[in-house]
Amino acid sequence: MNNVAEGWESLHIAEKRQAYNIARRSCGEVRSMSYVLLDNKFVTKPEQEHLLAQCIQTGKLITGLIHSVDRR
């Protein structure tokens, strides 16, 4: 969330894109960590699947922000 906010506030297109790319990569990190949580029984399978779905949706939204910057 902080990387998206940083990108939103950036005045330069390159800085915006970089911040959004970091945010998108962070979604991948959370997806990866969800398997660690599941393997170590910190979450149930339904909870992990919900987390994955949220990460995928968030990643799509951030990709939309990146595409909007690219169209400028």
N, C-alpha and C. Protein backbone atom coordinates (compact mmCIF):
# COMPACT_ATOMS: atom_id res chain seq x y z
N MET A 1 0.82 -1.18 0.00
CA MET A 1 0.00 0.00 0.00
C MET A 1 0.87 1.26 0.00
N ASN A 2 1.96 1.23 0.75
CA ASN A 2 2.84 2.39 0.80
C ASN A 2 3.50 2.66 -0.55
N ASN A 3 3.87 1.61 -1.27
CA ASN A 3 4.49 1.81 -2.58
C ASN A 3 3.50 2.40 -3.58
N VAL A 4 2.25 1.99 -3.51
CA VAL A 4 1.22 2.58 -4.38
C VAL A 4 1.06 4.05 -4.04
N ALA A 5 1.00 4.37 -2.75
CA ALA A 5 0.87 5.77 -2.33
C ALA A 5 2.07 6.59 -2.79
N GLU A 6 3.24 6.01 -2.67
CA GLU A 6 4.45 6.72 -3.11
C GLU A 6 4.40 6.99 -4.61
N GLY A 7 3.98 5.99 -5.36
CA GLY A 7 3.86 6.17 -6.81
C GLY A 7 2.82 7.22 -7.17
N TRP A 8 1.72 7.19 -6.46
CA TRP A 8 0.63 8.14 -6.72
C TRP A 8 1.11 9.58 -6.52
N GLU A 9 1.93 9.78 -5.51
CA GLU A 9 2.41 11.12 -5.19
C GLU A 9 3.61 11.56 -6.03
N SER A 10 4.24 10.64 -6.72
CA SER A 10 5.42 10.99 -7.52
C SER A 10 5.04 11.90 -8.68
N LEU A 11 5.87 12.87 -8.94
CA LEU A 11 5.62 13.79 -10.04
C LEU A 11 6.19 13.26 -11.35
N HIS A 12 7.21 12.46 -11.28
CA HIS A 12 7.87 11.97 -12.49
C HIS A 12 7.35 10.58 -12.85
N ILE A 13 7.08 10.40 -14.12
CA ILE A 13 6.50 9.16 -14.62
C ILE A 13 7.38 7.95 -14.27
N ALA A 14 8.68 8.08 -14.45
CA ALA A 14 9.59 6.96 -14.18
C ALA A 14 9.52 6.55 -12.70
N GLU A 15 9.42 7.53 -11.82
CA GLU A 15 9.31 7.22 -10.39
C GLU A 15 7.98 6.54 -10.07
N LYS A 16 6.91 7.00 -10.71
CA LYS A 16 5.61 6.36 -10.52
C LYS A 16 5.67 4.89 -10.92
N ARG A 17 6.20 4.67 -12.11
CA ARG A 17 6.26 3.30 -12.64
C ARG A 17 7.11 2.41 -11.73
N GLN A 18 8.22 2.92 -11.26
CA GLN A 18 9.09 2.14 -10.39
C GLN A 18 8.37 1.77 -9.08
N ALA A 19 7.70 2.73 -8.48
CA ALA A 19 6.98 2.46 -7.23
C ALA A 19 5.87 1.43 -7.45
N TYR A 20 5.16 1.55 -8.56
CA TYR A 20 4.10 0.58 -8.86
C TYR A 20 4.67 -0.80 -9.14
N ASN A 21 5.80 -0.87 -9.80
CA ASN A 21 6.44 -2.16 -10.05
C ASN A 21 6.87 -2.82 -8.73
N ILE A 22 7.38 -2.04 -7.81
CA ILE A 22 7.76 -2.58 -6.50
C ILE A 22 6.52 -3.11 -5.79
N ALA A 23 5.43 -2.37 -5.87
CA ALA A 23 4.18 -2.82 -5.25
C ALA A 23 3.71 -4.13 -5.86
N ARG A 24 3.83 -4.26 -7.18
CA ARG A 24 3.40 -5.50 -7.84
C ARG A 24 4.30 -6.67 -7.43
N ARG A 25 5.59 -6.43 -7.33
CA ARG A 25 6.49 -7.49 -6.87
C ARG A 25 6.18 -7.89 -5.43
N SER A 26 5.80 -6.94 -4.63
CA SER A 26 5.43 -7.25 -3.25
C SER A 26 4.22 -8.19 -3.20
N CYS A 27 3.30 -8.05 -4.12
CA CYS A 27 2.17 -8.98 -4.20
C CYS A 27 2.68 -10.40 -4.43
N GLY A 28 3.68 -10.54 -5.27
CA GLY A 28 4.28 -11.85 -5.51
C GLY A 28 4.93 -12.41 -4.26
N GLU A 29 5.56 -11.54 -3.49
CA GLU A 29 6.18 -11.98 -2.24
C GLU A 29 5.12 -12.47 -1.26
N VAL A 30 4.02 -11.76 -1.17
CA VAL A 30 2.95 -12.18 -0.26
C VAL A 30 2.35 -13.51 -0.72
N ARG A 31 2.18 -13.68 -2.03
CA ARG A 31 1.69 -14.96 -2.54
C ARG A 31 2.63 -16.08 -2.14
N SER A 32 3.91 -15.86 -2.29
CA SER A 32 4.90 -16.86 -1.92
C SER A 32 4.85 -17.17 -0.43
N MET A 33 4.77 -16.14 0.38
CA MET A 33 4.73 -16.34 1.83
C MET A 33 3.45 -17.04 2.28
N SER A 34 2.39 -16.93 1.49
CA SER A 34 1.14 -17.61 1.88
C SER A 34 1.34 -19.12 1.92
N TYR A 35 2.21 -19.63 1.06
CA TYR A 35 2.51 -21.06 1.08
C TYR A 35 3.33 -21.44 2.32
N VAL A 36 4.21 -20.55 2.73
CA VAL A 36 4.96 -20.77 3.97
C VAL A 36 4.00 -20.80 5.15
N LEU A 37 3.07 -19.87 5.16
CA LEU A 37 2.06 -19.84 6.23
C LEU A 37 1.25 -21.13 6.26
N LEU A 38 0.85 -21.59 5.09
CA LEU A 38 0.07 -22.83 5.00
C LEU A 38 0.90 -24.03 5.44
N ASP A 39 2.10 -24.13 4.93
CA ASP A 39 2.97 -25.27 5.26
C ASP A 39 3.25 -25.37 6.75
N ASN A 40 3.33 -24.22 7.41
CA ASN A 40 3.63 -24.19 8.83
C ASN A 40 2.36 -24.11 9.70
N LYS A 41 1.22 -24.27 9.04
CA LYS A 41 -0.07 -24.34 9.72
C LYS A 41 -0.44 -23.07 10.50
N PHE A 42 0.00 -21.92 9.98
CA PHE A 42 -0.43 -20.65 10.56
C PHE A 42 -1.78 -20.22 9.99
N VAL A 43 -2.13 -20.74 8.81
CA VAL A 43 -3.43 -20.48 8.19
C VAL A 43 -3.99 -21.79 7.66
N THR A 44 -5.30 -21.81 7.49
CA THR A 44 -5.94 -22.97 6.88
C THR A 44 -5.89 -22.83 5.36
N LYS A 45 -6.18 -23.92 4.66
CA LYS A 45 -6.19 -23.88 3.19
C LYS A 45 -7.19 -22.83 2.68
N PRO A 46 -8.42 -22.76 3.20
CA PRO A 46 -9.33 -21.71 2.73
C PRO A 46 -8.81 -20.30 2.98
N GLU A 47 -8.16 -20.08 4.11
CA GLU A 47 -7.59 -18.76 4.39
C GLU A 47 -6.47 -18.43 3.40
N GLN A 48 -5.65 -19.42 3.11
CA GLN A 48 -4.55 -19.21 2.16
C GLN A 48 -5.09 -18.93 0.77
N GLU A 49 -6.12 -19.66 0.37
CA GLU A 49 -6.73 -19.44 -0.95
C GLU A 49 -7.34 -18.04 -1.04
N HIS A 50 -7.94 -17.58 0.05
CA HIS A 50 -8.50 -16.23 0.07
C HIS A 50 -7.39 -15.19 -0.06
N LEU A 51 -6.30 -15.40 0.66
CA LEU A 51 -5.15 -14.49 0.57
C LEU A 51 -4.59 -14.46 -0.85
N LEU A 52 -4.48 -15.64 -1.47
CA LEU A 52 -4.00 -15.70 -2.85
C LEU A 52 -4.91 -14.91 -3.78
N ALA A 53 -6.22 -15.10 -3.62
CA ALA A 53 -7.18 -14.38 -4.48
C ALA A 53 -7.05 -12.87 -4.31
N GLN A 54 -6.87 -12.43 -3.07
CA GLN A 54 -6.69 -11.00 -2.83
C GLN A 54 -5.40 -10.48 -3.47
N CYS A 55 -4.34 -11.26 -3.38
CA CYS A 55 -3.06 -10.86 -4.00
C CYS A 55 -3.20 -10.76 -5.51
N ILE A 56 -3.88 -11.72 -6.10
CA ILE A 56 -4.06 -11.71 -7.55
C ILE A 56 -4.87 -10.48 -7.97
N GLN A 57 -5.96 -10.20 -7.27
CA GLN A 57 -6.78 -9.03 -7.59
C GLN A 57 -5.99 -7.74 -7.40
N THR A 58 -5.25 -7.64 -6.32
CA THR A 58 -4.44 -6.44 -6.08
C THR A 58 -3.38 -6.27 -7.15
N GLY A 59 -2.74 -7.38 -7.55
CA GLY A 59 -1.75 -7.33 -8.62
C GLY A 59 -2.34 -6.82 -9.92
N LYS A 60 -3.57 -7.25 -10.23
CA LYS A 60 -4.24 -6.79 -11.45
C LYS A 60 -4.52 -5.29 -11.37
N LEU A 61 -4.94 -4.81 -10.23
CA LEU A 61 -5.20 -3.38 -10.07
C LEU A 61 -3.91 -2.57 -10.23
N ILE A 62 -2.83 -3.06 -9.65
CA ILE A 62 -1.54 -2.36 -9.77
C ILE A 62 -1.06 -2.41 -11.22
N THR A 63 -1.26 -3.52 -11.90
CA THR A 63 -0.91 -3.61 -13.32
C THR A 63 -1.68 -2.56 -14.11
N GLY A 64 -2.94 -2.33 -13.75
CA GLY A 64 -3.72 -1.27 -14.40
C GLY A 64 -3.10 0.10 -14.18
N LEU A 65 -2.61 0.35 -12.98
CA LEU A 65 -1.92 1.62 -12.72
C LEU A 65 -0.67 1.75 -13.59
N ILE A 66 0.08 0.67 -13.71
CA ILE A 66 1.28 0.69 -14.54
C ILE A 66 0.93 0.98 -15.99
N HIS A 67 -0.12 0.34 -16.49
CA HIS A 67 -0.54 0.58 -17.87
C HIS A 67 -1.01 2.02 -18.07
N SER A 68 -1.66 2.59 -17.05
CA SER A 68 -2.11 3.97 -17.17
C SER A 68 -0.91 4.93 -17.26
N VAL A 69 0.15 4.60 -16.53
CA VAL A 69 1.37 5.42 -16.60
C VAL A 69 2.01 5.28 -17.97
N ASP A 70 2.02 4.05 -18.51
CA ASP A 70 2.63 3.81 -19.81
C ASP A 70 1.90 4.52 -20.94
N ARG A 71 0.60 4.76 -20.76
CA ARG A 71 -0.19 5.43 -21.81
C ARG A 71 0.01 6.95 -21.82
N ARG A 72 0.70 7.47 -20.82
CA ARG A 72 0.91 8.93 -20.75
C ARG A 72 1.90 9.40 -21.77
